[in-house]
Amino acid sequence: MSLFRVLFAIIFPPLAVIDKGCGSVLIVFILTLAGWIPGVLAALIIINKNK
């Protein structure tokens, strides 16, 4: 997990998971609309997940 990804996850969570697939971006975007903190947490979990 790089520093830039963590910063993107804090500032704009869907941008941090853009390379993880359309489903991840959509889930993080919906959670960000519902509340900023759930979107950030989901983005950090998806970024931290191993392939």
C-alpha atoms as a PDB file:
ATOM      1  CA  MET A   1       0.000   0.000   0.000  1.00  0.00           C
ATOM      2  CA  SER A   2       1.658   3.195  -1.165  1.00  0.00           C
ATOM      3  CA  LEU A   3       1.383   6.609   0.395  1.00  0.00           C
ATOM      4  CA  PHE A   4      -0.314   8.050  -2.687  1.00  0.00           C
ATOM      5  CA  ARG A   5      -3.037   5.406  -2.591  1.00  0.00           C
ATOM      6  CA  VAL A   6      -3.710   6.123   1.067  1.00  0.00           C
ATOM      7  CA  LEU A   7      -3.937   9.852   0.347  1.00  0.00           C
ATOM      8  CA  PHE A   8      -6.294   9.201  -2.573  1.00  0.00           C
ATOM      9  CA  ALA A   9      -8.381   6.946  -0.320  1.00  0.00           C
ATOM     10  CA  ILE A  10      -8.700   9.731   2.229  1.00  0.00           C
ATOM     11  CA  ILE A  11      -9.356  12.560  -0.240  1.00  0.00           C
ATOM     12  CA  PHE A  12     -11.483  10.792  -2.873  1.00  0.00           C
ATOM     13  CA  PRO A  13     -11.950   7.067  -2.161  1.00  0.00           C
ATOM     14  CA  PRO A  14     -13.171   5.930  -5.630  1.00  0.00           C
ATOM     15  CA  LEU A  15      -9.991   7.292  -7.207  1.00  0.00           C
ATOM     16  CA  ALA A  16      -7.878   5.029  -5.000  1.00  0.00           C
ATOM     17  CA  VAL A  17      -9.545   1.830  -6.239  1.00  0.00           C
ATOM     18  CA  ILE A  18      -9.817   2.756  -9.923  1.00  0.00           C
ATOM     19  CA  ASP A  19      -7.560  -0.126 -11.026  1.00  0.00           C
ATOM     20  CA  LYS A  20      -9.334  -2.772  -8.924  1.00  0.00           C
ATOM     21  CA  GLY A  21     -12.310  -3.080 -11.267  1.00  0.00           C
ATOM     22  CA  CYS A  22     -15.643  -1.476 -11.966  1.00  0.00           C
ATOM     23  CA  GLY A  23     -17.434  -3.229  -9.103  1.00  0.00           C
ATOM     24  CA  SER A  24     -15.000  -1.951  -6.490  1.00  0.00           C
ATOM     25  CA  VAL A  25     -15.231   1.598  -7.799  1.00  0.00           C
ATOM     26  CA  LEU A  26     -19.031   1.451  -7.781  1.00  0.00           C
ATOM     27  CA  ILE A  27     -19.230   0.056  -4.240  1.00  0.00           C
ATOM     28  CA  VAL A  28     -16.779   2.623  -2.897  1.00  0.00           C
ATOM     29  CA  PHE A  29     -18.573   5.424  -4.752  1.00  0.00           C
ATOM     30  CA  ILE A  30     -21.957   4.452  -3.297  1.00  0.00           C
ATOM     31  CA  LEU A  31     -20.495   4.168   0.200  1.00  0.00           C
ATOM     32  CA  THR A  32     -18.830   7.567  -0.230  1.00  0.00           C
ATOM     33  CA  LEU A  33     -22.173   9.087  -1.194  1.00  0.00           C
ATOM     34  CA  ALA A  34     -23.787   7.482   1.851  1.00  0.00           C
ATOM     35  CA  GLY A  35     -21.055   8.841   4.100  1.00  0.00           C
ATOM     36  CA  TRP A  36     -17.456   9.819   3.678  1.00  0.00           C
ATOM     37  CA  ILE A  37     -16.059   7.551   6.398  1.00  0.00           C
ATOM     38  CA  PRO A  38     -17.621   4.300   5.069  1.00  0.00           C
ATOM     39  CA  GLY A  39     -16.188   5.107   1.643  1.00  0.00           C
ATOM     40  CA  VAL A  40     -12.721   5.701   3.055  1.00  0.00           C
ATOM     41  CA  LEU A  41     -12.844   2.495   5.098  1.00  0.00           C
ATOM     42  CA  ALA A  42     -13.991   0.438   2.116  1.00  0.00           C
ATOM     43  CA  ALA A  43     -11.276   1.941  -0.086  1.00  0.00           C
ATOM     44  CA  LEU A  44      -8.579   1.196   2.483  1.00  0.00           C
ATOM     45  CA  ILE A  45      -9.811  -2.389   2.853  1.00  0.00           C
ATOM     46  CA  ILE A  46      -9.847  -2.947  -0.901  1.00  0.00           C
ATOM     47  CA  ILE A  47      -6.384  -1.402  -1.305  1.00  0.00           C
ATOM     48  CA  ASN A  48      -4.976  -3.516   1.520  1.00  0.00           C
ATOM     49  CA  LYS A  49      -6.457  -6.749   0.131  1.00  0.00           C
ATOM     50  CA  ASN A  50      -3.901  -9.056  -1.518  1.00  0.00           C
ATOM     51  CA  LYS A  51      -4.510 -10.353  -5.031  1.00  0.00           C
END
